[in-house]
Structures are given as C-alpha cells and as structure tokens.
Amino acid sequence: MAADVFDALNQNTRATGQWGKGKAPKIPAYPRPKAKKADKKKAEKPKPRTVAEIYKHFQRR
C-alpha cells in the first residue's frame, strides 16, 4: 500500500510541477517485493473428497 501511495505522489509531482517541456524528472518507483516461485508439491491441490469419504472420516471416532 505504501508503494502505491509513493507512486501516486510521484505522478502528482511530475504532473503539477513547473518543468520545461519534456524536462520532468524521472522519479524511480518504490521497490516492491518479488514473488517467490512455489514448490511443485505445495502447488498441487489435493483431490476433492466425495461425500462417502467425508462420512467415513467422521465415523472413525
């Protein structure tokens, strides 16, 4: 959220500044974290259970 606010302020500064034509400063964007690649095992979703399997699971007690 902080990155979005930072970028919005930078865009506002560039748009409303008293710069000569084409001479608005380039303000670097706020650094954002990179997404990590998920492990293959974690990415696999478990098979959906049937009603019969769920019933058996609760009847084991």
Protein backbone atom coordinates (compact mmCIF):
# COMPACT_ATOMS: atom_id res chain seq x y z
CA MET A 1 0.00 0.00 0.00
CA ALA A 2 2.88 2.33 0.79
CA ALA A 3 4.29 1.73 -2.69
CA ASP A 4 1.02 2.80 -4.33
CA VAL A 5 0.85 6.00 -2.27
CA PHE A 6 4.50 6.76 -3.04
CA ASP A 7 3.94 6.26 -6.77
CA ALA A 8 0.77 8.36 -6.73
CA LEU A 9 2.61 11.24 -5.05
CA ASN A 10 5.40 11.00 -7.61
CA GLN A 11 2.96 11.10 -10.51
CA ASN A 12 1.20 14.10 -8.97
CA THR A 13 4.53 15.87 -8.50
CA ARG A 14 5.52 15.27 -12.12
CA ALA A 15 2.13 16.36 -13.45
CA THR A 16 1.83 19.61 -11.49
CA GLY A 17 5.46 20.75 -11.45
CA GLN A 18 6.82 23.78 -13.26
CA TRP A 19 9.06 21.85 -15.65
CA GLY A 20 10.11 22.89 -19.10
CA LYS A 21 8.62 20.92 -21.99
CA GLY A 22 9.80 17.33 -21.76
CA LYS A 23 12.10 18.03 -18.82
CA ALA A 24 10.10 16.50 -15.97
CA PRO A 25 12.38 14.48 -13.70
CA LYS A 26 12.13 10.71 -13.73
CA ILE A 27 11.43 9.62 -10.15
CA PRO A 28 12.17 5.91 -9.53
CA ALA A 29 9.30 3.69 -8.43
CA TYR A 30 9.07 2.36 -4.89
CA PRO A 31 10.75 -1.05 -4.63
CA ARG A 32 8.25 -3.90 -4.47
CA PRO A 33 8.93 -7.42 -3.19
CA LYS A 34 9.34 -10.15 -5.78
CA ALA A 35 7.02 -13.16 -5.73
CA LYS A 36 8.69 -16.44 -4.85
CA LYS A 37 8.24 -19.46 -7.04
CA ALA A 38 6.04 -22.03 -5.30
CA ASP A 39 7.29 -25.55 -4.79
CA LYS A 40 5.71 -28.12 -7.04
CA LYS A 41 4.45 -30.15 -4.06
CA LYS A 42 2.79 -27.13 -2.48
CA ALA A 43 1.25 -26.02 -5.76
CA GLU A 44 -0.59 -29.30 -6.27
CA LYS A 45 -4.09 -29.18 -4.85
CA PRO A 46 -5.48 -32.22 -3.06
CA LYS A 47 -8.19 -34.23 -4.75
CA PRO A 48 -11.67 -33.23 -3.66
CA ARG A 49 -13.25 -35.74 -1.28
CA THR A 50 -16.51 -37.43 -2.01
CA VAL A 51 -19.41 -37.34 0.41
CA ALA A 52 -18.81 -41.01 1.22
CA GLU A 53 -15.15 -40.32 2.15
CA ILE A 54 -16.15 -37.42 4.38
CA TYR A 55 -18.79 -39.57 6.07
CA LYS A 56 -16.24 -42.37 6.69
CA HIS A 57 -13.78 -39.84 8.11
CA PHE A 58 -16.25 -38.62 10.73
CA GLN A 59 -17.46 -42.13 11.58
CA ARG A 60 -13.97 -43.35 12.62
CA ARG A 61 -14.20 -41.79 16.06
